Amino acid sequence: MEVKSFVGSSTISEFHTALGQFLNYRIALEISDEPERILYLAVPKDTYQIFFRLEPAKTVIERYRVRLIVYDPNLKVINQWIE
């Protein structure tokens, strides 16, 4: 799981960074001795509700088959697993 906080000044910039890291980690897992591992990108609930539901972000998530975990950073709980 790659956990991102999205606390930077630009959500879109944070998204680009998170997506790049996620894709690099997924490739690293594919070529490692553990290709069966499934990678998730964990994002805060507020960021998911505001940013990840916008059409450009939804399209990127679908096209690159990014699995998401939506979490509440204050309660420290997982709210949703999205395949």
PDB file of N, CA and C in Angstrom:
ATOM      1  N   MET A   1       0.848  -1.154   0.000  1.00  0.00           N
ATOM      2  CA  MET A   1       0.000   0.000   0.000  1.00  0.00           C
ATOM      3  C   MET A   1       0.901   1.226   0.000  1.00  0.00           C
ATOM      4  N   GLU A   2       0.594   2.150  -0.878  1.00  0.00           N
ATOM      5  CA  GLU A   2       1.282   3.440  -0.924  1.00  0.00           C
ATOM      6  C   GLU A   2       0.317   4.454  -0.346  1.00  0.00           C
ATOM      7  N   VAL A   3       0.663   5.049   0.807  1.00  0.00           N
ATOM      8  CA  VAL A   3      -0.202   6.006   1.487  1.00  0.00           C
ATOM      9  C   VAL A   3       0.246   7.412   1.139  1.00  0.00           C
ATOM     10  N   LYS A   4      -0.713   8.223   0.685  1.00  0.00           N
ATOM     11  CA  LYS A   4      -0.426   9.614   0.342  1.00  0.00           C
ATOM     12  C   LYS A   4      -1.344  10.509   1.153  1.00  0.00           C
ATOM     13  N   SER A   5      -0.818  11.654   1.572  1.00  0.00           N
ATOM     14  CA  SER A   5      -1.609  12.566   2.402  1.00  0.00           C
ATOM     15  C   SER A   5      -2.258  13.688   1.609  1.00  0.00           C
ATOM     16  N   PHE A   6      -1.707  14.042   0.448  1.00  0.00           N
ATOM     17  CA  PHE A   6      -2.232  15.115  -0.389  1.00  0.00           C
ATOM     18  C   PHE A   6      -2.352  16.427   0.389  1.00  0.00           C
ATOM     19  N   VAL A   7      -1.303  16.769   1.132  1.00  0.00           N
ATOM     20  CA  VAL A   7      -1.320  18.006   1.915  1.00  0.00           C
ATOM     21  C   VAL A   7      -0.532  19.132   1.253  1.00  0.00           C
ATOM     22  N   GLY A   8       0.013  18.897   0.069  1.00  0.00           N
ATOM     23  CA  GLY A   8       0.774  19.924  -0.629  1.00  0.00           C
ATOM     24  C   GLY A   8      -0.120  21.052  -1.109  1.00  0.00           C
ATOM     25  N   SER A   9       0.485  22.048  -1.702  1.00  0.00           N
ATOM     26  CA  SER A   9      -0.261  23.222  -2.146  1.00  0.00           C
ATOM     27  C   SER A   9      -1.116  22.951  -3.376  1.00  0.00           C
ATOM     28  N   SER A  10      -0.819  21.883  -4.122  1.00  0.00           N
ATOM     29  CA  SER A  10      -1.556  21.577  -5.344  1.00  0.00           C
ATOM     30  C   SER A  10      -1.971  20.110  -5.350  1.00  0.00           C
ATOM     31  N   THR A  11      -3.269  19.880  -5.303  1.00  0.00           N
ATOM     32  CA  THR A  11      -3.762  18.506  -5.321  1.00  0.00           C
ATOM     33  C   THR A  11      -3.383  17.809  -6.612  1.00  0.00           C
ATOM     34  N   ILE A  12      -3.438  18.506  -7.724  1.00  0.00           N
ATOM     35  CA  ILE A  12      -3.098  17.887  -9.012  1.00  0.00           C
ATOM     36  C   ILE A  12      -1.629  17.485  -9.054  1.00  0.00           C
ATOM     37  N   SER A  13      -0.770  18.316  -8.490  1.00  0.00           N
ATOM     38  CA  SER A  13       0.653  17.981  -8.432  1.00  0.00           C
ATOM     39  C   SER A  13       0.885  16.778  -7.521  1.00  0.00           C
ATOM     40  N   GLU A  14       0.206  16.749  -6.393  1.00  0.00           N
ATOM     41  CA  GLU A  14       0.303  15.606  -5.477  1.00  0.00           C
ATOM     42  C   GLU A  14      -0.202  14.335  -6.168  1.00  0.00           C
ATOM     43  N   PHE A  15      -1.274  14.469  -6.954  1.00  0.00           N
ATOM     44  CA  PHE A  15      -1.818  13.332  -7.694  1.00  0.00           C
ATOM     45  C   PHE A  15      -0.808  12.806  -8.702  1.00  0.00           C
ATOM     46  N   HIS A  16      -0.163  13.704  -9.440  1.00  0.00           N
ATOM     47  CA  HIS A  16       0.849  13.282 -10.423  1.00  0.00           C
ATOM     48  C   HIS A  16       1.989  12.535  -9.737  1.00  0.00           C
ATOM     49  N   THR A  17       2.441  13.055  -8.624  1.00  0.00           N
ATOM     50  CA  THR A  17       3.519  12.402  -7.876  1.00  0.00           C
ATOM     51  C   THR A  17       3.079  11.027  -7.371  1.00  0.00           C
ATOM     52  N   ALA A  18       1.883  10.976  -6.782  1.00  0.00           N
ATOM     53  CA  ALA A  18       1.375   9.710  -6.239  1.00  0.00           C
ATOM     54  C   ALA A  18       1.201   8.675  -7.347  1.00  0.00           C
ATOM     55  N   LEU A  19       0.658   9.088  -8.486  1.00  0.00           N
ATOM     56  CA  LEU A  19       0.448   8.160  -9.592  1.00  0.00           C
ATOM     57  C   LEU A  19       1.777   7.635 -10.127  1.00  0.00           C
ATOM     58  N   GLY A  20       2.747   8.518 -10.285  1.00  0.00           N
ATOM     59  CA  GLY A  20       4.066   8.089 -10.757  1.00  0.00           C
ATOM     60  C   GLY A  20       4.706   7.095  -9.817  1.00  0.00           C
ATOM     61  N   GLN A  21       4.647   7.366  -8.523  1.00  0.00           N
ATOM     62  CA  GLN A  21       5.210   6.439  -7.545  1.00  0.00           C
ATOM     63  C   GLN A  21       4.461   5.107  -7.576  1.00  0.00           C
ATOM     64  N   PHE A  22       3.140   5.189  -7.641  1.00  0.00           N
ATOM     65  CA  PHE A  22       2.325   3.980  -7.677  1.00  0.00           C
ATOM     66  C   PHE A  22       2.704   3.100  -8.868  1.00  0.00           C
ATOM     67  N   LEU A  23       2.804   3.696 -10.055  1.00  0.00           N
ATOM     68  CA  LEU A  23       3.135   2.923 -11.259  1.00  0.00           C
ATOM     69  C   LEU A  23       4.542   2.329 -11.171  1.00  0.00           C
ATOM     70  N   ASN A  24       5.486   3.086 -10.625  1.00  0.00           N
ATOM     71  CA  ASN A  24       6.849   2.558 -10.451  1.00  0.00           C
ATOM     72  C   ASN A  24       6.868   1.391  -9.473  1.00  0.00           C
ATOM     73  N   TYR A  25       6.135   1.515  -8.365  1.00  0.00           N
ATOM     74  CA  TYR A  25       6.076   0.428  -7.379  1.00  0.00           C
ATOM     75  C   TYR A  25       5.421  -0.805  -7.979  1.00  0.00           C
ATOM     76  N   ARG A  26       4.373  -0.611  -8.786  1.00  0.00           N
ATOM     77  CA  ARG A  26       3.689  -1.749  -9.386  1.00  0.00           C
ATOM     78  C   ARG A  26       4.631  -2.509 -10.319  1.00  0.00           C
ATOM     79  N   ILE A  27       5.409  -1.785 -11.104  1.00  0.00           N
ATOM     80  CA  ILE A  27       6.386  -2.439 -11.984  1.00  0.00           C
ATOM     81  C   ILE A  27       7.443  -3.160 -11.159  1.00  0.00           C
ATOM     82  N   ALA A  28       7.924  -2.522 -10.091  1.00  0.00           N
ATOM     83  CA  ALA A  28       8.923  -3.162  -9.236  1.00  0.00           C
ATOM     84  C   ALA A  28       8.382  -4.468  -8.663  1.00  0.00           C
ATOM     85  N   LEU A  29       7.115  -4.490  -8.246  1.00  0.00           N
ATOM     86  CA  LEU A  29       6.521  -5.722  -7.723  1.00  0.00           C
ATOM     87  C   LEU A  29       6.399  -6.784  -8.815  1.00  0.00           C
ATOM     88  N   GLU A  30       6.049  -6.353 -10.035  1.00  0.00           N
ATOM     89  CA  GLU A  30       5.887  -7.299 -11.142  1.00  0.00           C
ATOM     90  C   GLU A  30       7.196  -8.016 -11.475  1.00  0.00           C
ATOM     91  N   ILE A  31       8.325  -7.318 -11.344  1.00  0.00           N
ATOM     92  CA  ILE A  31       9.600  -7.932 -11.711  1.00  0.00           C
ATOM     93  C   ILE A  31      10.330  -8.523 -10.507  1.00  0.00           C
ATOM     94  N   SER A  32       9.747  -8.382  -9.330  1.00  0.00           N
ATOM     95  CA  SER A  32      10.367  -8.926  -8.122  1.00  0.00           C
ATOM     96  C   SER A  32       9.998 -10.392  -7.954  1.00  0.00           C
ATOM     97  N   ASP A  33      10.388 -10.931  -6.835  1.00  0.00           N
ATOM     98  CA  ASP A  33      10.047 -12.313  -6.510  1.00  0.00           C
ATOM     99  C   ASP A  33       8.630 -12.430  -5.951  1.00  0.00           C
ATOM    100  N   GLU A  34       7.884 -11.300  -5.913  1.00  0.00           N
ATOM    101  CA  GLU A  34       6.535 -11.327  -5.347  1.00  0.00           C
ATOM    102  C   GLU A  34       5.511 -10.680  -6.291  1.00  0.00           C
ATOM    103  N   PRO A  35       5.405 -11.173  -7.520  1.00  0.00           N
ATOM    104  CA  PRO A  35       4.499 -10.545  -8.482  1.00  0.00           C
ATOM    105  C   PRO A  35       3.021 -10.704  -8.138  1.00  0.00           C
ATOM    106  N   GLU A  36       2.698 -11.604  -7.193  1.00  0.00           N
ATOM    107  CA  GLU A  36       1.298 -11.823  -6.813  1.00  0.00           C
ATOM    108  C   GLU A  36       0.766 -10.740  -5.871  1.00  0.00           C
ATOM    109  N   ARG A  37       1.652  -9.930  -5.326  1.00  0.00           N
ATOM    110  CA  ARG A  37       1.208  -8.853  -4.427  1.00  0.00           C
ATOM    111  C   ARG A  37       0.381  -7.835  -5.198  1.00  0.00           C
ATOM    112  N   ILE A  38      -0.639  -7.317  -4.541  1.00  0.00           N
ATOM    113  CA  ILE A  38      -1.521  -6.325  -5.155  1.00  0.00           C
ATOM    114  C   ILE A  38      -1.280  -4.985  -4.471  1.00  0.00           C
ATOM    115  N   LEU A  39      -1.028  -3.978  -5.277  1.00  0.00           N
ATOM    116  CA  LEU A  39      -0.713  -2.650  -4.764  1.00  0.00           C
ATOM    117  C   LEU A  39      -1.964  -1.782  -4.721  1.00  0.00           C
ATOM    118  N   TYR A  40      -2.111  -1.037  -3.636  1.00  0.00           N
ATOM    119  CA  TYR A  40      -3.204  -0.077  -3.476  1.00  0.00           C
ATOM    120  C   TYR A  40      -2.611   1.297  -3.219  1.00  0.00           C
ATOM    121  N   LEU A  41      -3.329   2.319  -3.657  1.00  0.00           N
ATOM    122  CA  LEU A  41      -2.985   3.699  -3.344  1.00  0.00           C
ATOM    123  C   LEU A  41      -3.974   4.164  -2.289  1.00  0.00           C
ATOM    124  N   ALA A  42      -3.485   4.527  -1.116  1.00  0.00           N
ATOM    125  CA  ALA A  42      -4.343   4.983  -0.028  1.00  0.00           C
ATOM    126  C   ALA A  42      -4.419   6.505  -0.055  1.00  0.00           C
ATOM    127  N   VAL A  43      -5.655   7.018  -0.065  1.00  0.00           N
ATOM    128  CA  VAL A  43      -5.872   8.463  -0.133  1.00  0.00           C
ATOM    129  C   VAL A  43      -6.842   8.892   0.967  1.00  0.00           C
ATOM    130  N   PRO A  44      -6.669  10.109   1.483  1.00  0.00           N
ATOM    131  CA  PRO A  44      -7.590  10.601   2.514  1.00  0.00           C
ATOM    132  C   PRO A  44      -9.016  10.727   1.968  1.00  0.00           C
ATOM    133  N   LYS A  45      -9.974  10.520   2.852  1.00  0.00           N
ATOM    134  CA  LYS A  45     -11.387  10.562   2.480  1.00  0.00           C
ATOM    135  C   LYS A  45     -11.771  11.891   1.824  1.00  0.00           C
ATOM    136  N   ASP A  46     -11.345  12.997   2.394  1.00  0.00           N
ATOM    137  CA  ASP A  46     -11.696  14.310   1.832  1.00  0.00           C
ATOM    138  C   ASP A  46     -11.149  14.478   0.421  1.00  0.00           C
ATOM    139  N   THR A  47      -9.915  14.063   0.198  1.00  0.00           N
ATOM    140  CA  THR A  47      -9.318  14.162  -1.135  1.00  0.00           C
ATOM    141  C   THR A  47     -10.076  13.285  -2.116  1.00  0.00           C
ATOM    142  N   TYR A  48     -10.450  12.101  -1.697  1.00  0.00           N
ATOM    143  CA  TYR A  48     -11.209  11.223  -2.573  1.00  0.00           C
ATOM    144  C   TYR A  48     -12.542  11.860  -2.946  1.00  0.00           C
ATOM    145  N   GLN A  49     -13.254  12.389  -1.954  1.00  0.00           N
ATOM    146  CA  GLN A  49     -14.579  12.956  -2.204  1.00  0.00           C
ATOM    147  C   GLN A  49     -14.526  14.203  -3.084  1.00  0.00           C
ATOM    148  N   ILE A  50     -13.476  14.991  -2.959  1.00  0.00           N
ATOM    149  CA  ILE A  50     -13.391  16.240  -3.714  1.00  0.00           C
ATOM    150  C   ILE A  50     -12.692  16.050  -5.052  1.00  0.00           C
ATOM    151  N   PHE A  51     -11.543  15.379  -5.056  1.00  0.00           N
ATOM    152  CA  PHE A  51     -10.703  15.324  -6.248  1.00  0.00           C
ATOM    153  C   PHE A  51     -10.881  14.053  -7.077  1.00  0.00           C
ATOM    154  N   PHE A  52     -10.896  12.903  -6.421  1.00  0.00           N
ATOM    155  CA  PHE A  52     -10.898  11.629  -7.149  1.00  0.00           C
ATOM    156  C   PHE A  52     -12.223  11.315  -7.827  1.00  0.00           C
ATOM    157  N   ARG A  53     -13.241  12.086  -7.571  1.00  0.00           N
ATOM    158  CA  ARG A  53     -14.531  11.893  -8.248  1.00  0.00           C
ATOM    159  C   ARG A  53     -14.660  12.778  -9.484  1.00  0.00           C
ATOM    160  N   LEU A  54     -13.688  13.651  -9.704  1.00  0.00           N
ATOM    161  CA  LEU A  54     -13.697  14.473 -10.916  1.00  0.00           C
ATOM    162  C   LEU A  54     -13.346  13.595 -12.107  1.00  0.00           C
ATOM    163  N   GLU A  55     -13.913  13.916 -13.258  1.00  0.00           N
ATOM    164  CA  GLU A  55     -13.759  13.063 -14.441  1.00  0.00           C
ATOM    165  C   GLU A  55     -12.301  12.800 -14.837  1.00  0.00           C
ATOM    166  N   PRO A  56     -11.415  13.801 -14.888  1.00  0.00           N
ATOM    167  CA  PRO A  56     -10.029  13.479 -15.281  1.00  0.00           C
ATOM    168  C   PRO A  56      -9.370  12.470 -14.331  1.00  0.00           C
ATOM    169  N   ALA A  57      -9.548  12.652 -13.039  1.00  0.00           N
ATOM    170  CA  ALA A  57      -8.949  11.726 -12.078  1.00  0.00           C
ATOM    171  C   ALA A  57      -9.581  10.343 -12.200  1.00  0.00           C
ATOM    172  N   LYS A  58     -10.897  10.275 -12.345  1.00  0.00           N
ATOM    173  CA  LYS A  58     -11.579   8.988 -12.509  1.00  0.00           C
ATOM    174  C   LYS A  58     -11.063   8.247 -13.733  1.00  0.00           C
ATOM    175  N   THR A  59     -10.864   8.974 -14.828  1.00  0.00           N
ATOM    176  CA  THR A  59     -10.384   8.351 -16.062  1.00  0.00           C
ATOM    177  C   THR A  59      -8.984   7.782 -15.877  1.00  0.00           C
ATOM    178  N   VAL A  60      -8.109   8.524 -15.228  1.00  0.00           N
ATOM    179  CA  VAL A  60      -6.740   8.050 -14.975  1.00  0.00           C
ATOM    180  C   VAL A  60      -6.763   6.810 -14.089  1.00  0.00           C
ATOM    181  N   ILE A  61      -7.556   6.837 -13.028  1.00  0.00           N
ATOM    182  CA  ILE A  61      -7.650   5.703 -12.101  1.00  0.00           C
ATOM    183  C   ILE A  61      -8.145   4.461 -12.841  1.00  0.00           C
ATOM    184  N   GLU A  62      -9.150   4.634 -13.701  1.00  0.00           N
ATOM    185  CA  GLU A  62      -9.676   3.502 -14.464  1.00  0.00           C
ATOM    186  C   GLU A  62      -8.667   3.003 -15.494  1.00  0.00           C
ATOM    187  N   ARG A  63      -8.069   3.919 -16.241  1.00  0.00           N
ATOM    188  CA  ARG A  63      -7.150   3.520 -17.317  1.00  0.00           C
ATOM    189  C   ARG A  63      -5.936   2.770 -16.785  1.00  0.00           C
ATOM    190  N   TYR A  64      -5.395   3.218 -15.645  1.00  0.00           N
ATOM    191  CA  TYR A  64      -4.202   2.576 -15.084  1.00  0.00           C
ATOM    192  C   TYR A  64      -4.547   1.514 -14.037  1.00  0.00           C
ATOM    193  N   ARG A  65      -5.833   1.224 -13.897  1.00  0.00           N
ATOM    194  CA  ARG A  65      -6.299   0.180 -12.980  1.00  0.00           C
ATOM    195  C   ARG A  65      -5.707   0.350 -11.579  1.00  0.00           C
ATOM    196  N   VAL A  66      -5.853   1.549 -11.034  1.00  0.00           N
ATOM    197  CA  VAL A  66      -5.335   1.857  -9.705  1.00  0.00           C
ATOM    198  C   VAL A  66      -6.380   1.440  -8.669  1.00  0.00           C
ATOM    199  N   ARG A  67      -5.981   0.557  -7.783  1.00  0.00           N
ATOM    200  CA  ARG A  67      -6.848   0.168  -6.675  1.00  0.00           C
ATOM    201  C   ARG A  67      -6.664   1.201  -5.562  1.00  0.00           C
ATOM    202  N   LEU A  68      -7.771   1.599  -4.954  1.00  0.00           N
ATOM    203  CA  LEU A  68      -7.714   2.645  -3.938  1.00  0.00           C
ATOM    204  C   LEU A  68      -8.173   2.142  -2.579  1.00  0.00           C
ATOM    205  N   ILE A  69      -7.565   2.718  -1.562  1.00  0.00           N
ATOM    206  CA  ILE A  69      -8.052   2.599  -0.196  1.00  0.00           C
ATOM    207  C   ILE A  69      -8.348   4.029   0.246  1.00  0.00           C
ATOM    208  N   VAL A  70      -9.574   4.257   0.685  1.00  0.00           N
ATOM    209  CA  VAL A  70      -9.964   5.578   1.171  1.00  0.00           C
ATOM    210  C   VAL A  70      -9.950   5.508   2.696  1.00  0.00           C
ATOM    211  N   TYR A  71      -9.181   6.406   3.315  1.00  0.00           N
ATOM    212  CA  TYR A  71      -9.034   6.351   4.769  1.00  0.00           C
ATOM    213  C   TYR A  71      -9.347   7.699   5.408  1.00  0.00           C
ATOM    214  N   ASP A  72      -9.698   7.643   6.679  1.00  0.00           N
ATOM    215  CA  ASP A  72      -9.936   8.847   7.468  1.00  0.00           C
ATOM    216  C   ASP A  72      -8.693   9.084   8.318  1.00  0.00           C
ATOM    217  N   PRO A  73      -7.914  10.133   7.997  1.00  0.00           N
ATOM    218  CA  PRO A  73      -6.665  10.354   8.729  1.00  0.00           C
ATOM    219  C   PRO A  73      -6.878  10.750  10.190  1.00  0.00           C
ATOM    220  N   ASN A  74      -8.036  11.310  10.515  1.00  0.00           N
ATOM    221  CA  ASN A  74      -8.294  11.704  11.905  1.00  0.00           C
ATOM    222  C   ASN A  74      -8.664  10.510  12.771  1.00  0.00           C
ATOM    223  N   LEU A  75      -9.531   9.650  12.234  1.00  0.00           N
ATOM    224  CA  LEU A  75      -9.961   8.470  12.983  1.00  0.00           C
ATOM    225  C   LEU A  75      -9.016   7.286  12.797  1.00  0.00           C
ATOM    226  N   LYS A  76      -8.129   7.394  11.787  1.00  0.00           N
ATOM    227  CA  LYS A  76      -7.178   6.336  11.470  1.00  0.00           C
ATOM    228  C   LYS A  76      -7.882   5.020  11.173  1.00  0.00           C
ATOM    229  N   VAL A  77      -8.903   5.129  10.298  1.00  0.00           N
ATOM    230  CA  VAL A  77      -9.648   3.953   9.870  1.00  0.00           C
ATOM    231  C   VAL A  77      -9.781   3.965   8.347  1.00  0.00           C
ATOM    232  N   ILE A  78      -9.950   2.779   7.795  1.00  0.00           N
ATOM    233  CA  ILE A  78     -10.203   2.643   6.363  1.00  0.00           C
ATOM    234  C   ILE A  78     -11.708   2.731   6.155  1.00  0.00           C
ATOM    235  N   ASN A  79     -12.114   3.620   5.249  1.00  0.00           N
ATOM    236  CA  ASN A  79     -13.532   3.790   4.937  1.00  0.00           C
ATOM    237  C   ASN A  79     -13.990   2.948   3.758  1.00  0.00           C
ATOM    238  N   GLN A  80     -13.063   2.704   2.810  1.00  0.00           N
ATOM    239  CA  GLN A  80     -13.495   2.035   1.594  1.00  0.00           C
ATOM    240  C   GLN A  80     -12.303   1.423   0.865  1.00  0.00           C
ATOM    241  N   TRP A  81     -12.527   0.234   0.299  1.00  0.00           N
ATOM    242  CA  TRP A  81     -11.569  -0.422  -0.588  1.00  0.00           C
ATOM    243  C   TRP A  81     -12.194  -0.363  -1.978  1.00  0.00           C
ATOM    244  N   ILE A  82     -11.463   0.135  -2.975  1.00  0.00           N
ATOM    245  CA  ILE A  82     -11.999   0.254  -4.319  1.00  0.00           C
ATOM    246  C   ILE A  82     -11.096  -0.516  -5.273  1.00  0.00           C
ATOM    247  N   GLU A  83     -11.648  -1.561  -5.866  1.00  0.00           N
ATOM    248  CA  GLU A  83     -10.891  -2.406  -6.800  1.00  0.00           C
ATOM    249  C   GLU A  83     -10.773  -1.736  -8.147  1.00  0.00           C
TER     250      GLU A  83
END
